[in-house]
Amino acid sequence: MIQKLLLASCLLWAENVAATSLSAPEPPSAETNRPFSTTAWLAGDLVVSPATLPAFTTAAGTPSAYQTILINGTGLTGDVTVTASAGFEIAWLENGPYGSSQVLTQLGGTVTNVPLYVRLAGNTLGSFTGTVTVANTGSASRTVAVSGTVTAAPTPNPVPVLTSISPSSGGHGPPIVMDLNGSGFVPGATVSMDLTRIISTTYVSSTHLRALVQLPSRATSVQARVIVKNPLPGGGDSAPQMFNILATAPIITSFSPSSGPVGTAVTIQGYNLYLFSGGATVSFNGTQAILIPPTPSGEQITAVVPAGATTGLITLANKNGAAVSATPFVVTASPPPFFENFEQGTKTSYTPASVALASGGWTFGEALIGTTAGADKFNGSKSARLRGGGFVEMDVDKPNGAGVVTVSAATYSTETGVSFLPEISTDGGVTYTSLLTGPAPVLTPNLTTYSFTANRGGNVRLRFSSSNLNASTNPRINIDDVGITNFTVTSSQRKQGLPQLVVYPNPAQNYLTVATGSSRPTQVTLHDLTGRVVLPQVTLPASQRLTLPASLPQGSYLLQVNSQGEQRMIRFLKQ
């Protein structure tokens, strides 16, 4: 019975073996992309990338920079082994250890994005080609093509020898040229020196270098090492030569600006100006100033013009000595509370528009901001340019009234026969009154400052108009540097002349009524806007009416009124 059972088992085993050996291998699937084998089917799958690495290069005796291969795998059995062709090395870490073969131990059958680092060993001269092979018993092997070239190593540079330097001493001042003599210098050699800025190093020959050196400011003399350094490969530092950096007196080479009022920040340029162990003092014509940022240095220092300073030389002193400027700093009067120089605005056409300036908005009519040097006249780089019918007026009020109004004016280019009319408003620009107490100033091609007493309280605005009433025509004028002082009433201050004066109608056609509020005689004189008399002085009749000449052209005019020992100028429009 037992023999029969054993025989049946043997027959069943034989049938199974036969069935297994005769069955066809399973074809590859689209999902796994495993290769088809006619001899056996391997369940694992290795994937490596990239298929080819870019060519390596290195010099003999030095391994090349590494490149990376990524290894992935599923269904693996046993460890993953990697081998590299002759001349190449591989490692699991970028810093090694490197060898011709490596083993990746795995137990779960899967590896994911494992980096393998590959480099050209550089042990032998020549060109190399080969592969890096990644293998596993459960998968087909994978290869990555590699290639590279090992070139001869460059000849190392010698260590330089520095035997002398010239000069061997000096103090803070303009950069000096230092000649360095020795041997073994190569192109690319550099010079260094303690406490000192080397601006540039020039290779002259293997025995001669030349350096441009900026020495520092010092309160006491000090020895500094001078060294020559040759670059890699090889190279290195020479033995030092010693340079004596001297403590020298300050030198003022320039300052800016050249003028300004009290409170102006003045930047002084020079050498050995500020000593970090002792500082420095600055005086304007004997009056000591305070220093302000930026941080002072041996070559630059900034000071503020102090109260009480007057025009004179700038003096700078420190522990090493003192220096004075070659030219004086001119202390000017402080600008008034309101000041406009037209430097911050931009307007390039005569089309009417409002322009944002430092003092606020201004309306320009038949006017622009001129910047043409030689033709436009200005104290900075800009001024207002007005042509026929032109004006500029403030868009916003200045508080605290107007005491004295100053303005600089000139004719544009070489044009002549034109002036300007200064006017003031105390009602937000609704009406304006002339500030002239006589004829309009005669302008020249040179920018000239004019002053007008306003003595108006409260809020005020100014307007400046061209005396050329023919719109869009020449001649033209420039207006610059408008200033207004605050109005302060004192017991001795004279009131505005003829405060009750009323002139009407305005505009007028045939006559004007001039009401002074008094029965005393009144004399009037009629001027055009250039100040030219167009109607000589006459005494008004009891009716206080002035008949305008029928031949008087239409336009703006100035009526000068004198009565009771007082005078006032009124602008009106003839229609």
Protein backbone atom coordinates (compact mmCIF):
# COMPACT_ATOMS: atom_id res chain seq x y z
CA MET A 1 0.00 0.00 0.00
CA ILE A 2 2.82 2.37 0.89
CA GLN A 3 4.64 1.56 -2.34
CA LYS A 4 1.53 2.43 -4.37
CA LEU A 5 1.22 5.80 -2.66
CA LEU A 6 4.89 6.61 -3.29
CA LEU A 7 4.53 5.67 -6.94
CA ALA A 8 1.47 7.92 -7.35
CA SER A 9 3.30 10.86 -5.78
CA CYS A 10 6.26 10.44 -8.10
CA LEU A 11 4.00 10.39 -11.15
CA LEU A 12 2.22 13.60 -10.03
CA TRP A 13 5.56 15.39 -9.48
CA ALA A 14 6.76 14.36 -12.92
CA GLU A 15 3.62 15.75 -14.56
CA ASN A 16 4.04 19.09 -12.81
CA VAL A 17 7.69 19.38 -13.84
CA ALA A 18 6.81 18.58 -17.42
CA ALA A 19 4.04 21.14 -17.45
CA THR A 20 6.34 23.81 -16.01
CA SER A 21 9.20 23.18 -18.40
CA LEU A 22 6.95 23.27 -21.42
CA SER A 23 5.03 26.50 -20.55
CA ALA A 24 6.00 29.74 -22.36
CA PRO A 25 7.40 32.70 -20.39
CA GLU A 26 5.05 35.54 -19.63
CA PRO A 27 5.40 38.37 -22.18
CA PRO A 28 6.44 41.85 -20.98
CA SER A 29 3.73 44.29 -19.94
CA ALA A 30 3.42 47.95 -20.93
CA GLU A 31 3.46 48.91 -17.25
CA THR A 32 6.81 47.36 -16.31
CA ASN A 33 8.66 47.72 -19.64
CA ARG A 34 10.75 44.71 -18.63
CA PRO A 35 12.81 43.10 -21.43
CA PHE A 36 11.56 39.85 -22.94
CA SER A 37 13.83 36.83 -22.43
CA THR A 38 13.48 33.55 -24.29
CA THR A 39 15.39 31.74 -21.54
CA ALA A 40 13.96 33.09 -18.27
CA TRP A 41 11.77 35.79 -16.86
CA LEU A 42 13.30 38.06 -14.09
CA ALA A 43 10.75 39.62 -11.74
CA GLY A 44 12.89 42.70 -10.75
CA ASP A 45 13.30 45.98 -12.66
CA LEU A 46 16.27 48.39 -12.43
CA VAL A 47 16.07 51.95 -13.84
CA VAL A 48 19.09 54.29 -14.05
CA SER A 49 19.37 57.84 -15.43
CA PRO A 50 20.81 59.43 -17.39
CA ALA A 51 21.88 56.96 -20.05
CA THR A 52 25.05 58.98 -20.79
CA LEU A 53 27.06 61.42 -18.68
CA PRO A 54 28.76 64.49 -20.24
CA ALA A 55 32.49 64.04 -20.82
CA PHE A 56 34.78 64.54 -17.81
CA THR A 57 38.01 66.56 -17.89
CA THR A 58 40.77 66.91 -15.30
CA ALA A 59 44.51 67.40 -14.94
CA ALA A 60 46.79 64.51 -14.06
CA GLY A 61 46.96 63.86 -10.34
CA THR A 62 43.61 65.53 -9.59
CA PRO A 63 40.21 63.75 -9.72
CA SER A 64 37.59 65.54 -11.81
CA ALA A 65 34.42 67.08 -10.45
CA TYR A 66 31.76 64.42 -9.86
CA GLN A 67 28.54 63.83 -11.80
CA THR A 68 25.47 61.98 -10.52
CA ILE A 69 23.51 58.88 -11.61
CA LEU A 70 20.11 58.12 -10.02
CA ILE A 71 19.20 54.46 -9.31
CA ASN A 72 15.62 53.18 -8.90
CA GLY A 73 14.41 49.58 -8.66
CA THR A 74 11.49 47.32 -7.73
CA GLY A 75 11.17 43.58 -7.24
CA LEU A 76 14.88 43.30 -6.51
CA THR A 77 16.55 40.27 -4.89
CA GLY A 78 19.78 40.67 -3.03
CA ASP A 79 22.18 43.60 -3.12
CA VAL A 80 22.73 46.03 -5.99
CA THR A 81 26.30 46.01 -7.29
CA VAL A 82 27.86 48.82 -9.31
CA THR A 83 31.14 48.69 -11.24
CA ALA A 84 33.02 51.36 -13.22
CA SER A 85 35.32 50.96 -16.19
CA ALA A 86 39.03 51.58 -15.83
CA GLY A 87 39.90 55.24 -15.21
CA PHE A 88 36.60 56.02 -13.44
CA GLU A 89 35.60 55.95 -9.75
CA ILE A 90 32.23 55.73 -8.02
CA ALA A 91 30.90 56.42 -4.50
CA TRP A 92 27.63 56.64 -2.60
CA LEU A 93 28.69 59.99 -1.02
CA GLU A 94 29.93 63.01 -2.97
CA ASN A 95 33.05 63.17 -0.79
CA GLY A 96 33.69 59.43 -1.08
CA PRO A 97 35.22 57.02 -0.40
CA TYR A 98 35.56 56.37 -4.16
CA GLY A 99 36.43 53.06 -5.78
CA SER A 100 35.98 51.04 -8.95
CA SER A 101 33.00 49.11 -7.47
CA GLN A 102 30.33 49.67 -4.84
CA VAL A 103 27.55 47.58 -3.23
CA LEU A 104 24.09 48.86 -2.25
CA THR A 105 22.51 46.66 0.42
CA GLN A 106 18.74 46.35 0.20
CA LEU A 107 16.20 44.07 1.90
CA GLY A 108 12.76 45.26 0.80
CA GLY A 109 13.20 44.78 -2.93
CA THR A 110 12.85 48.49 -3.71
CA VAL A 111 15.32 51.38 -4.04
CA THR A 112 14.23 54.94 -4.84
CA ASN A 113 16.31 57.85 -6.24
CA VAL A 114 19.59 56.64 -4.78
CA PRO A 115 22.40 58.92 -6.05
CA LEU A 116 25.65 57.42 -7.29
CA TYR A 117 28.60 59.81 -7.70
CA VAL A 118 30.95 59.27 -10.63
CA ARG A 119 34.28 60.94 -11.41
CA LEU A 120 37.33 60.58 -13.61
CA ALA A 121 40.17 59.33 -11.39
CA GLY A 122 42.91 61.39 -13.11
CA ASN A 123 45.66 58.88 -12.34
CA THR A 124 46.87 58.46 -15.93
CA LEU A 125 47.14 60.79 -18.94
CA GLY A 126 44.89 60.06 -21.90
CA SER A 127 41.31 59.61 -23.06
CA PHE A 128 38.95 57.16 -21.40
CA THR A 129 35.59 55.63 -22.41
CA GLY A 130 33.53 52.98 -20.69
CA THR A 131 30.45 52.36 -18.65
CA VAL A 132 29.11 52.30 -15.15
CA THR A 133 27.17 49.04 -14.75
CA VAL A 134 24.37 48.60 -12.21
CA ALA A 135 23.39 44.94 -11.56
CA ASN A 136 21.02 42.87 -9.41
CA THR A 137 20.31 39.14 -9.46
CA GLY A 138 16.58 39.79 -9.77
CA SER A 139 16.79 42.22 -12.72
CA ALA A 140 18.55 42.83 -15.97
CA SER A 141 21.72 44.97 -15.65
CA ARG A 142 21.75 48.63 -16.66
CA THR A 143 24.67 50.71 -18.00
CA VAL A 144 25.55 54.40 -18.23
CA ALA A 145 28.10 55.50 -20.83
CA VAL A 146 31.02 57.58 -19.51
CA SER A 147 34.00 59.25 -21.16
CA GLY A 148 36.72 61.74 -20.25
CA THR A 149 40.20 63.12 -20.78
CA VAL A 150 43.12 63.51 -18.37
CA THR A 151 45.54 66.27 -19.41
CA ALA A 152 48.99 67.08 -18.12
CA ALA A 153 49.01 69.15 -14.89
CA PRO A 154 50.22 72.77 -15.27
CA THR A 155 53.67 73.69 -13.97
CA PRO A 156 53.30 75.09 -10.45
CA ASN A 157 54.15 78.77 -9.90
CA PRO A 158 57.21 79.50 -7.73
CA VAL A 159 57.08 81.15 -4.32
CA PRO A 160 58.01 84.82 -5.01
CA VAL A 161 61.02 86.50 -3.45
CA LEU A 162 60.64 90.22 -2.51
CA THR A 163 64.00 91.95 -1.97
CA SER A 164 63.16 95.70 -1.92
CA ILE A 165 60.38 98.31 -2.21
CA SER A 166 60.52 101.95 -3.23
CA PRO A 167 59.46 104.23 -1.63
CA SER A 168 59.65 102.63 1.81
CA SER A 169 57.84 105.38 3.75
CA GLY A 170 55.05 107.91 3.24
CA GLY A 171 51.88 109.41 4.69
CA HIS A 172 48.24 109.90 3.75
CA GLY A 173 47.81 111.82 0.52
CA PRO A 174 47.19 111.14 -3.16
CA PRO A 175 47.83 107.49 -4.16
CA ILE A 176 51.52 106.66 -4.56
CA VAL A 177 53.25 104.33 -7.03
CA MET A 178 55.34 101.64 -5.29
CA ASP A 179 57.97 99.64 -7.18
CA LEU A 180 58.60 96.10 -5.87
CA ASN A 181 61.76 94.25 -6.86
CA GLY A 182 62.66 90.59 -6.44
CA SER A 183 62.38 87.33 -8.38
CA GLY A 184 59.87 84.64 -9.30
CA PHE A 185 57.01 87.09 -9.98
CA VAL A 186 54.35 85.76 -12.39
CA PRO A 187 51.41 87.40 -14.20
CA GLY A 188 48.51 87.61 -11.77
CA ALA A 189 50.76 88.24 -8.77
CA THR A 190 49.21 90.61 -6.20
CA VAL A 191 50.54 92.96 -3.54
CA SER A 192 49.14 93.34 -0.03
CA MET A 193 50.06 95.77 2.72
CA ASP A 194 48.88 96.10 6.31
CA LEU A 195 46.32 98.88 7.02
CA THR A 196 46.47 99.98 3.38
CA ARG A 197 44.31 99.80 0.25
CA ILE A 198 46.13 98.51 -2.83
CA ILE A 199 44.30 100.05 -5.78
CA SER A 200 46.02 97.97 -8.46
CA THR A 201 49.03 95.71 -9.12
CA THR A 202 50.82 95.72 -12.49
CA TYR A 203 53.13 92.89 -13.62
CA VAL A 204 56.22 94.42 -15.26
CA SER A 205 58.55 91.40 -15.33
CA SER A 206 59.52 88.34 -13.28
CA THR A 207 61.69 90.67 -11.16
CA HIS A 208 59.51 93.82 -11.06
CA LEU A 209 55.95 94.66 -9.95
CA ARG A 210 54.34 98.10 -9.68
CA ALA A 211 51.48 98.86 -7.25
CA LEU A 212 49.19 101.89 -6.84
CA VAL A 213 48.82 102.39 -3.08
CA GLN A 214 46.44 104.55 -1.01
CA LEU A 215 48.06 105.09 2.39
CA PRO A 216 45.78 105.61 5.42
CA SER A 217 45.59 108.56 7.79
CA ARG A 218 47.44 107.95 11.04
CA ALA A 219 47.78 109.77 14.35
CA THR A 220 51.10 108.00 14.97
CA SER A 221 53.60 106.39 12.58
CA VAL A 222 53.44 102.61 12.17
CA GLN A 223 55.34 99.83 10.35
CA ALA A 224 53.35 97.84 7.78
CA ARG A 225 54.28 94.58 6.03
CA VAL A 226 54.36 94.50 2.22
CA ILE A 227 53.93 91.01 0.68
CA VAL A 228 53.81 89.64 -2.88
CA LYS A 229 51.54 86.65 -3.53
CA ASN A 230 51.78 84.40 -6.61
CA PRO A 231 48.55 82.64 -7.67
CA LEU A 232 47.84 78.89 -7.86
CA PRO A 233 48.96 76.35 -8.87
CA GLY A 234 51.83 76.47 -6.45
CA GLY A 235 52.66 80.08 -5.73
CA GLY A 236 52.33 81.48 -2.23
CA ASP A 237 53.47 84.49 -0.19
CA SER A 238 56.86 86.14 -0.19
CA ALA A 239 58.72 87.16 2.93
CA PRO A 240 57.67 90.73 3.82
CA GLN A 241 59.42 94.05 3.36
CA MET A 242 58.56 96.85 5.83
CA PHE A 243 56.96 100.21 4.93
CA ASN A 244 56.79 103.11 7.40
CA ILE A 245 53.32 104.77 7.34
CA LEU A 246 53.88 108.31 8.65
CA ALA A 247 51.59 110.55 10.67
CA THR A 248 51.25 113.61 8.42
CA ALA A 249 49.42 116.95 8.71
CA PRO A 250 45.98 117.34 7.12
CA ILE A 251 45.49 118.78 3.63
CA ILE A 252 42.26 120.41 2.37
CA THR A 253 41.93 119.93 -1.39
CA SER A 254 38.35 121.16 -1.94
CA PHE A 255 34.97 121.79 -0.32
CA SER A 256 31.39 121.94 -1.56
CA PRO A 257 29.24 123.99 -1.76
CA SER A 258 31.35 127.14 -1.96
CA SER A 259 28.70 129.33 -0.32
CA GLY A 260 25.53 129.13 1.72
CA PRO A 261 23.71 130.45 4.79
CA VAL A 262 24.11 129.33 8.39
CA GLY A 263 23.03 125.69 8.66
CA THR A 264 24.49 124.65 5.29
CA ALA A 265 26.19 121.21 5.28
CA VAL A 266 29.65 121.59 3.75
CA THR A 267 31.62 118.52 2.61
CA ILE A 268 35.40 118.94 2.88
CA GLN A 269 37.71 116.74 0.77
CA GLY A 270 41.40 116.16 1.40
CA TYR A 271 43.91 113.89 3.11
CA ASN A 272 44.57 112.95 6.72
CA LEU A 273 41.52 114.98 7.73
CA TYR A 274 40.00 112.84 10.46
CA LEU A 275 41.98 110.73 12.95
CA PHE A 276 39.96 107.92 14.53
CA SER A 277 42.15 108.13 17.62
CA GLY A 278 41.81 111.89 17.94
CA GLY A 279 39.08 113.22 15.67
CA ALA A 280 39.21 116.70 14.13
CA THR A 281 37.75 120.20 14.48
CA VAL A 282 36.44 122.43 11.69
CA SER A 283 35.99 126.21 11.85
CA PHE A 284 34.46 128.71 9.43
CA ASN A 285 36.47 131.95 9.63
CA GLY A 286 37.27 131.16 13.26
CA THR A 287 33.82 129.96 14.37
CA GLN A 288 33.86 126.26 15.27
CA ALA A 289 31.36 123.99 13.53
CA ILE A 290 29.83 120.63 14.43
CA LEU A 291 30.51 117.49 12.39
CA ILE A 292 27.61 115.51 10.94
CA PRO A 293 27.17 112.17 9.08
CA PRO A 294 28.29 110.52 6.93
CA THR A 295 31.00 109.05 9.15
CA PRO A 296 34.12 111.20 8.77
CA SER A 297 37.24 109.68 7.25
CA GLY A 298 40.77 110.66 6.38
CA GLU A 299 39.59 111.84 2.97
CA GLN A 300 36.18 113.42 3.69
CA ILE A 301 34.48 115.24 6.52
CA THR A 302 31.15 117.12 6.66
CA ALA A 303 30.45 120.12 8.89
CA VAL A 304 27.52 122.53 9.35
CA VAL A 305 28.06 126.29 8.99
CA PRO A 306 27.59 127.51 12.59
CA ALA A 307 25.61 130.48 13.83
CA GLY A 308 27.79 133.57 13.88
CA ALA A 309 30.01 132.38 11.04
CA THR A 310 31.15 134.95 8.50
CA THR A 311 32.77 134.69 5.09
CA GLY A 312 36.34 133.40 5.34
CA LEU A 313 38.67 130.42 5.11
CA ILE A 314 37.83 126.98 6.46
CA THR A 315 40.29 125.63 9.04
CA LEU A 316 40.65 121.95 9.94
CA ALA A 317 42.83 120.80 12.83
CA ASN A 318 43.76 117.42 14.32
CA LYS A 319 46.60 115.92 16.40
CA ASN A 320 48.91 115.97 13.37
CA GLY A 321 48.51 119.65 12.56
CA ALA A 322 46.15 122.07 10.82
CA ALA A 323 45.15 123.04 7.29
CA VAL A 324 43.25 125.95 5.74
CA SER A 325 41.27 126.04 2.53
CA ALA A 326 42.74 127.79 -0.51
CA THR A 327 39.55 129.83 -1.04
CA PRO A 328 37.00 131.30 1.40
CA PHE A 329 33.54 129.93 2.12
CA VAL A 330 31.00 132.68 1.46
CA VAL A 331 28.31 132.91 4.16
CA THR A 332 25.11 134.19 2.55
CA ALA A 333 21.90 135.45 4.07
CA SER A 334 19.45 132.78 5.16
CA PRO A 335 16.59 132.23 2.72
CA PRO A 336 13.23 133.74 3.69
CA PRO A 337 10.45 131.56 5.15
CA PHE A 338 9.00 131.22 1.65
CA PHE A 339 11.40 130.54 -1.20
CA GLU A 340 10.93 129.17 -4.71
CA ASN A 341 13.81 128.59 -7.16
CA PHE A 342 11.93 126.43 -9.73
CA GLU A 343 14.60 123.70 -9.48
CA GLN A 344 12.20 120.83 -8.66
CA GLY A 345 9.64 121.41 -11.39
CA THR A 346 9.43 120.36 -15.03
CA LYS A 347 7.43 122.13 -17.74
CA THR A 348 8.63 122.17 -21.35
CA SER A 349 5.80 123.93 -23.18
CA TYR A 350 3.96 127.26 -22.97
CA THR A 351 0.57 125.54 -22.64
CA PRO A 352 -1.19 126.73 -19.44
CA ALA A 353 -0.83 124.21 -16.61
CA SER A 354 -0.20 123.89 -12.88
CA VAL A 355 3.28 122.71 -11.88
CA ALA A 356 4.25 121.11 -8.56
CA LEU A 357 7.24 122.99 -7.14
CA ALA A 358 9.09 122.88 -3.82
CA SER A 359 6.91 125.67 -2.38
CA GLY A 360 3.65 124.19 -3.71
CA GLY A 361 1.66 124.41 -6.91
CA TRP A 362 2.15 127.29 -9.35
CA THR A 363 0.07 128.05 -12.45
CA PHE A 364 2.08 128.81 -15.61
CA GLY A 365 0.33 130.65 -18.45
CA GLU A 366 2.35 131.27 -21.63
CA ALA A 367 5.29 130.19 -19.48
CA LEU A 368 7.56 127.20 -18.98
CA ILE A 369 10.57 126.14 -16.89
CA GLY A 370 13.69 127.06 -18.84
CA THR A 371 16.90 125.05 -18.65
CA THR A 372 18.90 126.39 -21.63
CA ALA A 373 22.27 127.54 -20.38
CA GLY A 374 23.31 130.92 -21.78
CA ALA A 375 19.79 131.81 -22.92
CA ASP A 376 17.75 131.15 -19.78
CA LYS A 377 19.08 133.05 -16.79
CA PHE A 378 19.09 131.17 -13.47
CA ASN A 379 21.06 130.80 -10.24
CA GLY A 380 20.85 127.01 -10.27
CA SER A 381 19.91 125.12 -13.41
CA LYS A 382 16.28 126.24 -13.94
CA SER A 383 14.06 129.32 -13.93
CA ALA A 384 10.62 130.35 -15.17
CA ARG A 385 10.54 131.67 -18.75
CA LEU A 386 7.61 133.94 -19.73
CA ARG A 387 6.75 135.08 -23.24
CA GLY A 388 4.14 137.66 -24.35
CA GLY A 389 0.97 137.43 -22.23
CA GLY A 390 2.77 135.14 -19.80
CA PHE A 391 2.46 134.87 -16.02
CA VAL A 392 3.27 132.59 -13.10
CA GLU A 393 1.18 132.66 -9.94
CA MET A 394 0.95 130.72 -6.68
CA ASP A 395 -1.87 128.16 -6.39
CA VAL A 396 -1.83 128.08 -2.59
CA ASP A 397 -1.67 130.74 0.11
CA LYS A 398 1.37 131.54 2.21
CA PRO A 399 0.39 132.13 5.83
CA ASN A 400 1.90 134.82 8.08
CA GLY A 401 1.57 137.52 5.44
CA ALA A 402 4.27 139.13 3.31
CA GLY A 403 6.78 141.68 4.56
CA VAL A 404 9.32 141.97 1.74
CA VAL A 405 9.10 140.19 -1.61
CA THR A 406 12.34 139.47 -3.48
CA VAL A 407 12.65 138.10 -6.99
CA SER A 408 15.46 137.70 -9.51
CA ALA A 409 14.70 138.58 -13.12
CA ALA A 410 16.43 139.11 -16.47
CA THR A 411 15.64 139.25 -20.15
CA TYR A 412 15.81 135.93 -21.99
CA SER A 413 18.91 135.45 -24.16
CA THR A 414 19.76 138.85 -25.73
CA GLU A 415 16.15 140.08 -26.04
CA THR A 416 15.30 143.60 -24.80
CA GLY A 417 12.40 145.99 -24.19
CA VAL A 418 10.45 143.96 -21.65
CA SER A 419 9.92 143.90 -17.89
CA PHE A 420 7.64 142.27 -15.32
CA LEU A 421 4.84 143.20 -12.95
CA PRO A 422 4.86 141.82 -9.35
CA GLU A 423 1.39 141.52 -7.78
CA ILE A 424 -0.02 140.27 -4.48
CA SER A 425 -3.38 138.80 -3.50
CA THR A 426 -4.92 138.56 -0.03
CA ASP A 427 -8.18 136.91 -1.12
CA GLY A 428 -6.99 133.55 -2.42
CA GLY A 429 -6.08 134.81 -5.89
CA VAL A 430 -9.44 136.39 -6.73
CA THR A 431 -7.92 139.87 -7.12
CA TYR A 432 -4.32 141.07 -7.31
CA THR A 433 -2.70 144.42 -6.47
CA SER A 434 0.57 145.67 -7.94
CA LEU A 435 3.62 145.85 -5.67
CA LEU A 436 5.19 148.57 -7.82
CA THR A 437 5.47 152.04 -6.33
CA GLY A 438 6.94 153.45 -9.52
CA PRO A 439 7.88 152.32 -13.01
CA ALA A 440 8.56 148.65 -13.64
CA PRO A 441 12.23 147.72 -13.35
CA VAL A 442 14.37 147.89 -16.47
CA LEU A 443 15.60 144.34 -17.07
CA THR A 444 19.02 143.45 -18.46
CA PRO A 445 20.48 140.15 -19.72
CA ASN A 446 22.05 139.70 -16.26
CA LEU A 447 19.95 138.10 -13.53
CA THR A 448 19.27 140.83 -10.95
CA THR A 449 17.48 140.68 -7.60
CA TYR A 450 14.63 143.15 -6.98
CA SER A 451 12.88 143.86 -3.65
CA PHE A 452 9.32 145.07 -3.07
CA THR A 453 7.74 146.08 0.22
CA ALA A 454 4.40 144.31 0.61
CA ASN A 455 3.43 144.62 4.29
CA ARG A 456 0.30 142.49 3.99
CA GLY A 457 -0.99 140.32 6.80
CA GLY A 458 -2.86 137.02 6.69
CA ASN A 459 -2.73 134.65 3.74
CA VAL A 460 -1.04 135.92 0.58
CA ARG A 461 -0.25 134.82 -2.97
CA LEU A 462 2.04 136.29 -5.62
CA ARG A 463 1.76 136.67 -9.38
CA PHE A 464 4.47 137.77 -11.82
CA SER A 465 3.41 138.86 -15.31
CA SER A 466 5.30 139.87 -18.41
CA SER A 467 4.94 143.48 -19.53
CA ASN A 468 4.75 142.13 -23.10
CA LEU A 469 0.97 141.93 -23.55
CA ASN A 470 1.06 140.42 -27.04
CA ALA A 471 0.30 136.76 -26.40
CA SER A 472 2.72 134.10 -27.65
CA THR A 473 5.31 136.62 -28.87
CA ASN A 474 8.81 137.70 -27.95
CA PRO A 475 10.58 139.34 -26.11
CA ARG A 476 10.72 136.93 -23.14
CA ILE A 477 11.89 137.15 -19.54
CA ASN A 478 13.20 134.82 -16.81
CA ILE A 479 11.93 134.81 -13.23
CA ASP A 480 13.89 133.02 -10.48
CA ASP A 481 14.40 132.81 -6.69
CA VAL A 482 11.12 134.21 -5.37
CA GLY A 483 11.29 134.96 -1.64
CA ILE A 484 8.72 136.24 0.87
CA THR A 485 9.48 137.28 4.43
CA ASN A 486 6.77 137.08 7.09
CA PHE A 487 4.83 140.25 7.88
CA THR A 488 5.32 141.57 11.39
CA VAL A 489 3.40 144.64 12.54
CA THR A 490 5.37 147.11 14.66
CA SER A 491 4.23 150.33 16.25
CA SER A 492 6.45 152.35 13.95
CA GLN A 493 5.49 150.55 10.74
CA ARG A 494 3.92 152.73 8.12
CA LYS A 495 0.53 151.64 6.89
CA GLN A 496 -0.21 151.06 3.23
CA GLY A 497 -0.69 154.30 1.36
CA LEU A 498 -4.27 155.48 0.70
CA PRO A 499 -5.95 152.51 2.41
CA GLN A 500 -9.46 153.78 1.45
CA LEU A 501 -8.61 154.18 -2.24
CA VAL A 502 -11.14 152.66 -4.65
CA VAL A 503 -10.74 152.80 -8.46
CA TYR A 504 -13.66 151.79 -10.69
CA PRO A 505 -14.90 150.53 -13.05
CA ASN A 506 -12.24 147.87 -13.68
CA PRO A 507 -12.14 146.94 -16.55
CA ALA A 508 -12.76 150.47 -17.84
CA GLN A 509 -13.63 151.88 -21.28
CA ASN A 510 -13.85 155.70 -21.29
CA TYR A 511 -13.14 156.86 -17.73
CA LEU A 512 -12.03 155.90 -14.23
CA THR A 513 -13.42 157.13 -10.92
CA VAL A 514 -10.67 157.51 -8.29
CA ALA A 515 -12.24 157.68 -4.82
CA THR A 516 -9.66 158.40 -2.09
CA GLY A 517 -12.12 158.92 0.77
CA SER A 518 -10.95 162.54 1.10
CA SER A 519 -11.79 165.88 -0.49
CA ARG A 520 -8.14 166.84 -0.79
CA PRO A 521 -6.60 167.21 -4.26
CA THR A 522 -5.61 163.98 -6.00
CA GLN A 523 -2.95 163.66 -8.73
CA VAL A 524 -2.80 160.65 -11.04
CA THR A 525 -0.24 159.43 -13.60
CA LEU A 526 -0.86 156.64 -16.11
CA HIS A 527 1.92 154.13 -16.97
CA ASP A 528 2.09 151.07 -19.18
CA LEU A 529 3.42 147.84 -17.67
CA THR A 530 7.01 148.72 -18.64
CA GLY A 531 6.73 151.87 -16.53
CA ARG A 532 6.58 154.24 -19.50
CA VAL A 533 4.34 157.28 -18.85
CA VAL A 534 1.39 157.28 -21.27
CA LEU A 535 -0.56 160.07 -19.53
CA PRO A 536 1.39 162.73 -17.58
CA GLN A 537 0.32 163.66 -14.09
CA VAL A 538 -2.99 165.50 -13.85
CA THR A 539 -5.06 166.78 -10.91
CA LEU A 540 -8.52 165.24 -10.78
CA PRO A 541 -11.61 167.46 -10.73
CA ALA A 542 -14.10 167.41 -7.86
CA SER A 543 -15.91 164.53 -9.56
CA GLN A 544 -12.69 162.47 -9.09
CA ARG A 545 -13.18 161.16 -12.62
CA LEU A 546 -10.28 160.59 -15.04
CA THR A 547 -11.21 160.60 -18.72
CA LEU A 548 -9.16 158.06 -20.63
CA PRO A 549 -7.72 159.20 -23.97
CA ALA A 550 -9.67 157.80 -26.93
CA SER A 551 -6.35 156.84 -28.53
CA LEU A 552 -5.32 154.68 -25.56
CA PRO A 553 -5.01 151.07 -26.83
CA GLN A 554 -6.71 148.22 -25.04
CA GLY A 555 -4.60 146.42 -22.45
CA SER A 556 -3.35 146.54 -18.84
CA TYR A 557 -2.07 149.77 -17.30
CA LEU A 558 -0.81 151.11 -13.96
CA LEU A 559 -2.50 154.11 -12.38
CA GLN A 560 -0.24 155.98 -9.92
CA VAL A 561 -2.39 157.88 -7.34
CA ASN A 562 -0.90 160.60 -5.11
CA SER A 563 -2.98 162.30 -2.39
CA GLN A 564 -2.52 163.49 1.18
CA GLY A 565 1.23 162.88 0.93
CA GLU A 566 0.67 159.18 0.22
CA GLN A 567 0.99 157.11 -2.94
CA ARG A 568 -0.47 153.88 -4.31
CA MET A 569 -0.28 152.02 -7.60
CA ILE A 570 -3.40 150.34 -9.07
CA ARG A 571 -3.49 148.05 -12.10
CA PHE A 572 -6.54 148.18 -14.38
CA LEU A 573 -7.64 146.85 -17.73
CA LYS A 574 -8.63 149.17 -20.60
CA GLN A 575 -11.26 147.68 -22.94
